[in-house]
Protein backbone atom coordinates (compact mmCIF):
# COMPACT_ATOMS: atom_id res chain seq x y z
CA MET A 1 -17.85 -7.17 -12.84
CA THR A 2 -14.32 -7.88 -12.23
CA THR A 3 -13.00 -5.55 -10.15
CA ILE A 4 -9.71 -4.01 -8.55
CA ASP A 5 -8.16 -1.28 -6.12
CA LEU A 6 -5.44 0.55 -7.12
CA ASN A 7 -3.41 2.18 -4.26
CA ALA A 8 -0.24 4.26 -4.07
CA ASP A 9 1.96 5.23 -1.35
CA LEU A 10 1.09 9.07 -0.22
CA GLY A 11 2.50 11.77 2.24
CA GLU A 12 5.95 10.66 1.89
CA GLY A 13 7.14 14.31 1.74
CA PHE A 14 8.91 15.69 5.16
CA GLY A 15 8.95 19.63 6.70
CA ARG A 16 9.88 21.41 3.35
CA TRP A 17 10.76 18.69 0.91
CA SER A 18 7.90 17.01 -1.01
CA LEU A 19 8.06 13.77 -2.45
CA GLY A 20 5.78 12.72 -6.05
CA ASP A 21 2.95 14.34 -6.79
CA ASP A 22 0.35 13.14 -4.38
CA ASP A 23 -3.00 15.92 -6.09
CA ALA A 24 -2.40 14.46 -8.87
CA MET A 25 -1.88 10.70 -7.87
CA LEU A 26 -5.47 11.23 -5.84
CA ARG A 27 -7.59 11.45 -8.85
CA VAL A 28 -6.15 8.08 -10.23
CA VAL A 29 -6.04 5.91 -7.32
CA THR A 30 -8.36 4.40 -5.20
CA SER A 31 -6.85 3.80 -1.86
CA ALA A 32 -3.68 5.84 -0.22
CA ASN A 33 -1.35 4.27 1.75
CA VAL A 34 -0.07 7.22 3.91
CA ALA A 35 3.41 7.97 5.52
CA CYS A 36 2.52 7.92 9.30
CA GLY A 37 5.73 10.05 10.48
CA PHE A 38 8.20 6.84 10.83
CA HIS A 39 9.52 6.62 7.52
CA ALA A 40 8.47 9.66 5.80
CA GLY A 41 5.65 12.33 6.75
CA ASP A 42 5.15 14.87 9.28
CA PRO A 43 2.15 16.29 10.92
CA LEU A 44 0.95 18.73 8.65
CA THR A 45 1.93 16.43 5.85
CA MET A 46 -0.01 13.87 7.23
CA THR A 47 -3.22 16.13 7.43
CA GLY A 48 -3.20 17.68 3.98
CA THR A 49 -2.63 13.87 2.34
CA VAL A 50 -5.40 12.33 4.64
CA ASP A 51 -8.02 15.70 4.10
CA ALA A 52 -7.25 15.35 0.21
CA ALA A 53 -8.20 11.76 0.32
CA HIS A 54 -11.11 12.13 1.64
CA ARG A 55 -12.33 15.33 0.08
CA ARG A 56 -11.64 12.65 -3.48
CA GLY A 57 -12.96 9.65 -2.02
CA VAL A 58 -9.82 7.70 -1.72
CA VAL A 59 -10.17 5.41 1.23
CA ILE A 60 -7.26 6.01 4.12
CA GLY A 61 -4.82 3.22 5.30
CA ALA A 62 -2.06 3.59 7.37
CA HIS A 63 1.79 3.22 5.92
CA VAL A 64 3.37 2.08 8.79
CA ALA A 65 7.07 1.79 8.65
CA TYR A 66 10.34 0.61 10.69
CA ARG A 67 11.35 3.88 12.63
CA ASP A 68 14.09 4.58 9.99
CA LEU A 69 12.71 8.30 8.43
CA ALA A 70 17.29 8.41 7.70
CA GLY A 71 16.70 5.42 5.73
CA PHE A 72 12.95 6.11 4.24
CA GLY A 73 12.58 3.03 6.22
CA ARG A 74 14.11 0.51 3.34
CA ARG A 75 16.33 -0.82 6.25
CA TYR A 76 15.58 -3.64 8.75
CA VAL A 77 15.64 -2.52 12.35
CA GLU A 78 16.02 -5.18 14.71
CA ALA A 79 13.50 -4.19 17.32
CA SER A 80 11.80 -6.84 19.31
CA GLU A 81 8.39 -7.97 19.31
CA ALA A 82 7.35 -5.33 22.21
CA GLU A 83 9.25 -2.86 20.72
CA LEU A 84 8.07 -3.21 17.16
CA VAL A 85 3.98 -3.14 19.00
CA GLY A 86 4.58 0.26 20.34
CA ASP A 87 5.68 1.67 17.08
CA VAL A 88 2.77 -0.02 15.18
CA VAL A 89 0.23 1.38 17.58
CA TYR A 90 1.68 4.76 17.90
CA GLN A 91 1.89 5.22 14.46
CA ILE A 92 -1.86 3.95 13.15
CA GLY A 93 -2.79 5.95 16.21
CA ALA A 94 -1.32 9.01 15.37
CA LEU A 95 -2.96 8.71 11.88
CA SER A 96 -5.86 8.07 13.47
CA GLY A 97 -6.27 10.99 15.26
CA ILE A 98 -5.32 13.45 12.21
CA ALA A 99 -8.08 11.30 9.81
CA SER A 100 -10.63 11.85 12.74
CA SER A 101 -9.85 15.90 12.80
CA VAL A 102 -11.12 16.20 9.18
CA GLY A 103 -14.02 13.76 9.51
CA ALA A 104 -12.01 10.80 7.89
CA SER A 105 -11.14 7.36 8.60
CA VAL A 106 -8.00 4.90 8.55
CA ARG A 107 -9.98 2.10 7.14
CA TYR A 108 -6.74 -0.20 6.33
CA VAL A 109 -3.17 -0.73 7.15
CA LYS A 110 -0.39 -1.69 4.57
CA PRO A 111 3.20 -1.79 6.19
CA HIS A 112 5.94 0.12 4.21
CA GLY A 113 9.48 -0.79 2.54
CA ALA A 114 11.30 -3.29 4.56
CA LEU A 115 8.76 -3.90 7.25
CA TYR A 116 7.27 -5.15 4.77
CA SER A 117 9.01 -7.38 2.94
CA VAL A 118 10.45 -8.76 6.10
CA ILE A 119 6.80 -10.07 7.22
CA ALA A 120 6.62 -11.80 4.13
CA ARG A 121 9.59 -14.12 5.41
CA ASP A 122 9.17 -17.12 6.51
CA ASP A 123 12.16 -17.05 8.93
CA GLU A 124 12.60 -15.70 12.37
CA ALA A 125 13.01 -12.44 11.94
CA GLY A 126 9.95 -12.83 9.89
CA ARG A 127 7.66 -14.48 12.15
CA ALA A 128 8.48 -12.44 14.94
CA HIS A 129 7.71 -9.11 13.41
CA ALA A 130 4.72 -10.41 11.77
CA ARG A 131 3.27 -11.33 15.05
CA ALA A 132 4.42 -7.83 16.17
CA VAL A 133 2.30 -5.84 12.92
CA VAL A 134 -0.60 -8.60 13.87
CA GLU A 135 -0.88 -7.95 17.50
CA ALA A 136 -0.26 -4.22 16.94
CA VAL A 137 -3.42 -3.94 14.55
CA THR A 138 -5.97 -6.37 16.47
CA ARG A 139 -5.50 -3.61 19.79
CA VAL A 140 -6.08 -0.88 17.75
CA ASP A 141 -8.77 -1.88 15.79
CA PRO A 142 -9.50 -5.32 14.46
CA GLY A 143 -11.85 -4.10 12.25
CA LEU A 144 -9.22 -2.65 10.13
CA VAL A 145 -7.72 -4.66 7.36
CA LEU A 146 -4.20 -5.62 6.62
CA VAL A 147 -2.50 -5.43 3.12
CA GLY A 148 0.09 -7.66 2.41
CA LEU A 149 2.57 -9.49 -0.24
CA ALA A 150 0.07 -11.95 -2.51
CA GLY A 151 1.34 -15.72 -1.26
CA SER A 152 3.03 -13.95 2.21
CA SER A 153 2.84 -16.00 5.51
CA VAL A 154 1.44 -12.72 7.52
CA LEU A 155 -2.23 -12.75 5.45
CA HIS A 156 -2.55 -16.21 6.91
CA ARG A 157 -1.56 -14.65 10.39
CA ALA A 158 -3.76 -12.25 10.26
CA ALA A 159 -6.28 -14.25 9.46
CA ASP A 160 -6.04 -16.94 11.74
CA ALA A 161 -5.88 -13.73 13.90
CA GLY A 162 -9.70 -12.91 12.94
CA LEU A 163 -8.35 -9.97 10.88
CA ALA A 164 -9.76 -9.34 7.32
CA THR A 165 -6.36 -9.42 4.71
CA VAL A 166 -6.07 -7.87 1.44
CA ALA A 167 -3.28 -9.56 -1.15
CA GLU A 168 -1.29 -7.17 -3.09
CA ALA A 169 0.62 -6.96 -6.05
CA PHE A 170 3.03 -4.23 -7.69
CA ALA A 171 2.72 -3.00 -10.71
CA ASP A 172 5.58 -1.30 -11.09
CA ARG A 173 8.07 -3.65 -9.30
CA ALA A 174 9.70 -7.05 -10.30
CA TYR A 175 9.37 -9.87 -9.41
CA ALA A 176 11.52 -13.15 -8.27
CA PRO A 177 10.83 -16.82 -8.89
CA ASP A 178 9.63 -17.31 -5.31
CA GLY A 179 7.43 -14.55 -5.48
CA SER A 180 9.10 -12.10 -4.04
CA LEU A 181 10.36 -8.58 -5.14
CA VAL A 182 13.57 -7.85 -6.37
CA PRO A 183 15.61 -5.80 -3.85
CA ARG A 184 15.50 -2.36 -5.23
CA SER A 185 19.36 -2.14 -5.32
CA ALA A 186 19.39 -4.58 -8.45
CA PRO A 187 19.04 -3.71 -11.94
CA GLY A 188 15.52 -3.70 -13.28
CA ALA A 189 13.80 -3.84 -9.86
CA VAL A 190 11.60 -0.70 -10.01
CA LEU A 191 10.03 -1.11 -14.01
CA HIS A 192 8.75 3.01 -15.65
CA ASP A 193 7.22 1.87 -19.08
CA PRO A 194 3.68 2.60 -18.39
CA ILE A 195 2.61 0.47 -21.38
CA GLU A 196 4.69 -2.55 -20.26
CA ILE A 197 3.51 -1.51 -16.35
CA ARG A 198 -0.17 -1.95 -17.59
CA ASP A 199 0.23 -5.40 -19.59
CA ARG A 200 1.31 -6.80 -17.15
CA VAL A 201 -1.69 -5.93 -14.64
CA LEU A 202 -4.19 -6.24 -17.02
CA ARG A 203 -2.74 -10.39 -17.62
CA LEU A 204 -2.74 -10.48 -13.62
CA VAL A 205 -6.21 -9.60 -13.21
CA GLU A 206 -7.31 -11.41 -16.25
CA THR A 207 -5.24 -14.83 -15.39
CA GLY A 208 -4.27 -14.53 -11.96
CA ARG A 209 -0.27 -14.89 -13.45
CA LEU A 210 2.29 -12.57 -13.27
CA ARG A 211 6.02 -12.78 -14.82
CA ALA A 212 9.39 -13.06 -12.78
CA VAL A 213 12.51 -11.90 -13.80
CA ASP A 214 13.57 -15.24 -15.16
CA GLY A 215 10.67 -15.79 -17.50
CA THR A 216 8.46 -17.76 -14.87
CA ASP A 217 5.03 -17.53 -14.63
CA LEU A 218 3.53 -17.20 -10.94
CA GLU A 219 0.08 -17.35 -9.51
CA LEU A 220 -1.08 -14.33 -7.79
CA ASP A 221 -4.62 -14.21 -6.39
CA ALA A 222 -4.52 -10.15 -5.93
CA GLY A 223 -7.53 -7.75 -4.58
CA SER A 224 -5.12 -4.98 -4.52
CA VAL A 225 -2.13 -3.19 -7.21
CA CYS A 226 0.42 -0.55 -5.97
CA VAL A 227 1.99 2.07 -8.41
CA HIS A 228 4.40 3.60 -6.01
CA GLY A 229 4.18 7.43 -5.77
CA ASP A 230 7.67 8.12 -5.63
CA THR A 231 8.23 6.57 -9.03
CA ALA A 232 9.22 8.14 -11.78
CA GLY A 233 5.96 9.10 -14.25
CA ALA A 234 4.28 7.22 -11.18
CA VAL A 235 1.10 9.57 -12.15
CA GLY A 236 1.52 8.52 -15.66
CA ILE A 237 2.01 5.34 -15.13
CA ALA A 238 -1.29 4.90 -13.00
CA THR A 239 -3.30 6.93 -15.13
CA ARG A 240 -2.32 4.37 -18.21
CA LEU A 241 -2.25 1.64 -15.83
CA ARG A 242 -6.19 2.86 -14.47
CA ASP A 243 -7.81 3.49 -18.58
CA GLY A 244 -6.36 0.22 -19.00
CA LEU A 245 -8.34 -1.22 -16.85
CA GLU A 246 -11.25 0.47 -17.48
CA SER A 247 -11.29 -0.03 -21.31
CA ALA A 248 -10.92 -3.63 -20.18
CA GLY A 249 -14.10 -3.89 -18.62
CA VAL A 250 -12.27 -3.79 -15.04
CA GLY A 251 -13.70 -2.03 -12.06
CA VAL A 252 -10.99 -0.01 -10.43
CA ARG A 253 -12.43 0.87 -6.71
CA SER A 254 -11.16 -0.14 -2.90
CA PHE A 255 -11.62 -3.09 -1.64
CA VAL A 256 -13.29 -1.41 1.37
CA PRO A 257 -16.69 1.15 0.86
CA VAL A 258 -16.42 4.41 0.00
CA PRO A 259 -17.80 6.07 3.20
CA ARG A 260 -21.09 7.37 2.42
CA GLN A 261 -20.77 10.64 2.89
CA VAL A 262 -18.04 10.50 -0.19
CA ALA A 263 -19.81 8.01 -1.94
CA ALA A 264 -21.26 9.83 -4.66
CA ALA A 265 -18.00 11.89 -5.79
CA SER A 266 -17.22 11.10 -9.12
CA PRO A 267 -13.97 9.77 -9.74
CA GLY A 268 -11.31 12.86 -9.78
CA GLU A 269 -13.71 15.67 -8.58
CA PRO A 270 -14.10 16.60 -5.21
CA ALA A 271 -17.05 15.43 -2.86
């Protein structure tokens, strides 16, 4: 059976402010990218998100970012490699400690926002920050999986360092002809039609092709698909997408095994 992981960025509230419907998303997705405090998230939010994900059998990942709380991690930060190594190690460590406190564990790392986009580029800044992310993950735990943009050089760099990697595609983002994501500031960068999103992901899974904004086909080999938790209508999008995949005979499951103590839980039900 063809399988695909369905992930979402969760735990992106801060203090009294909440963002998205994490509880509902955790009934649908198979992996949760949890904000670690640098672009969003605080200890209480992180704990609640990790605990809920663990109880539902959803695999937990550290959603690390530039130190940019005010900009939601969507602004480039000119940090040295050493600074960025420290920042990423700090974030993984924070989420790992919280996960341990509820009997869970962090299984993978996915950079967020500007950091994700920068390390996917093959320029001086991209290469430097990709080196920093790979080094940080390796220092903390070389058994962690690194998730990155399908076709990006950071995945090759991580694999060369001995890390397992997963290539990711985005269900709700438009693509440029070079395989990068269309900047959020551009019209049509974020997709909202659940049927359009379902159909384009089904085509990606079945053919390995995804259409860019200029009509050309990109060839992408993706093991995970992301629906942003803060996209308007995210729960409906994710639900329609999962239903469509399963109706087409595609297995929806995480790219790492579900922890044994929750492996028997039914989708959408507490363990």
